[in-house]
Amino acid sequence: MRRQRSIPSAYGRRGFAVATVVVLLLLLNFLAFGSLKAGSVDAAVGALRVETLRALYACDAGVIVAMDELSADGEWGGDRTLQMPHATVSLTGGGVSEAGFDLVIEGRSGYGRRRVAVRVDISE
């Protein structure tokens, strides 16, 4: 009996093509998900920057509130916290002396934090 030679079938070539296409699709998926991950990190950094800027503006508002209070009667009404729509401001100060007044103002918005230290010199 004679042995028949095996002839490469078209099915084997198609199987190789399908495997190649699957591998290429996997690589494309990894690239796509990697670029989405990088984009989400950029968005998070941008959001933190906005929150930090809001906290800084809240500090500025706290300085204005404290200066208005000190200029009205020269007395400090005590430590307090002010609530704003997107931020919180904490006003903390020491007592008024002849030398001046030390005031620490901290603004918070989400994860953003800013602290401003103010030295007010009192003059007549």
Protein backbone atom coordinates (compact mmCIF):
# COMPACT_ATOMS: atom_id res chain seq x y z
CA MET A 1 0.00 0.00 0.00
CA ARG A 2 1.08 3.38 -0.82
CA ARG A 3 1.16 6.21 1.61
CA GLN A 4 -0.66 9.27 0.57
CA ARG A 5 1.14 12.48 0.83
CA SER A 6 -0.60 15.08 2.89
CA ILE A 7 -1.37 18.22 1.03
CA PRO A 8 -1.55 21.41 3.09
CA SER A 9 -5.15 22.28 3.31
CA ALA A 10 -6.73 25.67 3.09
CA TYR A 11 -8.07 25.19 6.62
CA GLY A 12 -4.59 25.36 8.14
CA ARG A 13 -3.83 28.65 6.41
CA ARG A 14 -7.14 30.13 7.51
CA GLY A 15 -6.49 29.08 11.09
CA PHE A 16 -3.15 30.88 11.04
CA ALA A 17 -4.82 34.02 9.67
CA VAL A 18 -7.49 33.94 12.38
CA ALA A 19 -4.86 33.56 15.10
CA THR A 20 -2.89 36.49 13.65
CA VAL A 21 -5.99 38.68 13.56
CA VAL A 22 -6.85 37.80 17.17
CA VAL A 23 -3.35 38.68 18.35
CA LEU A 24 -3.44 42.00 16.46
CA LEU A 25 -6.85 42.85 17.95
CA LEU A 26 -5.50 42.14 21.44
CA LEU A 27 -2.57 44.48 20.82
CA LEU A 28 -4.92 47.21 19.60
CA ASN A 29 -7.09 46.78 22.70
CA PHE A 30 -4.06 47.15 24.98
CA LEU A 31 -3.04 50.33 23.16
CA ALA A 32 -6.55 51.76 23.38
CA PHE A 33 -6.92 51.03 27.10
CA GLY A 34 -3.46 52.42 27.79
CA SER A 35 -4.30 55.72 26.12
CA LEU A 36 -7.60 55.92 28.05
CA LYS A 37 -5.73 55.41 31.32
CA ALA A 38 -3.33 58.23 30.48
CA GLY A 39 -6.26 60.48 29.64
CA SER A 40 -7.95 59.80 32.97
CA VAL A 41 -4.75 60.70 34.84
CA ASP A 42 -4.60 64.01 32.96
CA ALA A 43 -8.21 64.71 33.89
CA ALA A 44 -7.49 64.01 37.57
CA VAL A 45 -4.51 66.38 37.55
CA GLY A 46 -6.67 69.07 35.93
CA ALA A 47 -9.40 68.61 38.54
CA LEU A 48 -6.87 68.90 41.37
CA ARG A 49 -5.53 72.09 39.83
CA VAL A 50 -9.05 73.58 39.76
CA GLU A 51 -9.64 72.60 43.39
CA THR A 52 -6.32 74.11 44.45
CA LEU A 53 -7.16 77.35 42.68
CA ARG A 54 -10.56 77.46 44.41
CA ALA A 55 -8.79 76.98 47.75
CA LEU A 56 -6.45 79.89 46.96
CA TYR A 57 -9.38 82.16 46.07
CA ALA A 58 -11.08 81.09 49.31
CA CYS A 59 -7.93 82.16 51.20
CA ASP A 60 -8.06 85.54 49.48
CA ALA A 61 -11.69 85.94 50.56
CA GLY A 62 -10.73 84.97 54.12
CA VAL A 63 -8.01 87.64 54.18
CA ILE A 64 -10.55 90.26 53.09
CA VAL A 65 -13.06 89.15 55.77
CA ALA A 66 -10.36 89.25 58.48
CA MET A 67 -9.05 92.65 57.38
CA ASP A 68 -12.58 94.10 57.37
CA GLU A 69 -13.16 92.84 60.88
CA LEU A 70 -9.82 94.11 62.19
CA SER A 71 -10.16 97.51 60.53
CA ALA A 72 -13.69 98.04 61.87
CA ASP A 73 -12.85 97.99 65.59
CA GLY A 74 -9.32 96.61 65.92
CA GLU A 75 -10.64 93.53 67.71
CA TRP A 76 -10.50 89.94 66.60
CA GLY A 77 -13.83 88.16 67.01
CA GLY A 78 -12.26 84.73 67.42
CA ASP A 79 -11.46 81.74 65.27
CA ARG A 80 -14.14 80.57 62.88
CA THR A 81 -14.90 78.67 59.72
CA LEU A 82 -16.68 80.16 56.72
CA GLN A 83 -18.61 77.95 54.30
CA MET A 84 -18.65 78.91 50.64
CA PRO A 85 -20.39 77.14 47.73
CA HIS A 86 -17.31 75.10 46.71
CA ALA A 87 -14.82 75.82 49.48
CA THR A 88 -14.27 76.19 53.22
CA VAL A 89 -12.15 78.84 54.91
CA SER A 90 -10.71 78.53 58.42
CA LEU A 91 -9.64 81.76 60.11
CA THR A 92 -7.24 81.30 63.03
CA GLY A 93 -5.53 84.16 64.79
CA GLY A 94 -3.67 85.07 67.91
CA GLY A 95 -4.48 88.00 70.11
CA VAL A 96 -4.00 91.61 69.11
CA SER A 97 -0.91 93.16 70.69
CA GLU A 98 1.02 96.37 70.25
CA ALA A 99 3.32 94.71 67.75
CA GLY A 100 0.55 93.42 65.53
CA PHE A 101 -1.58 90.44 64.81
CA ASP A 102 -0.78 87.03 63.32
CA LEU A 103 -3.47 85.38 61.26
CA VAL A 104 -3.49 81.98 59.53
CA ILE A 105 -6.09 81.39 56.85
CA GLU A 106 -6.60 77.97 55.32
CA GLY A 107 -8.76 77.41 52.26
CA ARG A 108 -10.01 73.94 51.34
CA SER A 109 -11.83 72.75 48.25
CA GLY A 110 -12.06 69.01 47.64
CA TYR A 111 -8.46 67.74 47.80
CA GLY A 112 -7.03 71.23 47.20
CA ARG A 113 -5.50 73.04 50.19
CA ARG A 114 -3.92 76.47 50.51
CA ARG A 115 -2.66 78.17 53.65
CA VAL A 116 -1.84 81.86 53.95
CA ALA A 117 -0.10 83.40 56.97
CA VAL A 118 -0.73 87.12 57.43
CA ARG A 119 1.10 89.50 59.76
CA VAL A 120 -0.91 92.64 60.44
CA ASP A 121 1.05 95.57 61.84
CA ILE A 122 -1.06 97.91 63.93
CA SER A 123 -0.33 101.59 63.63
CA GLU A 124 -2.25 104.56 64.91
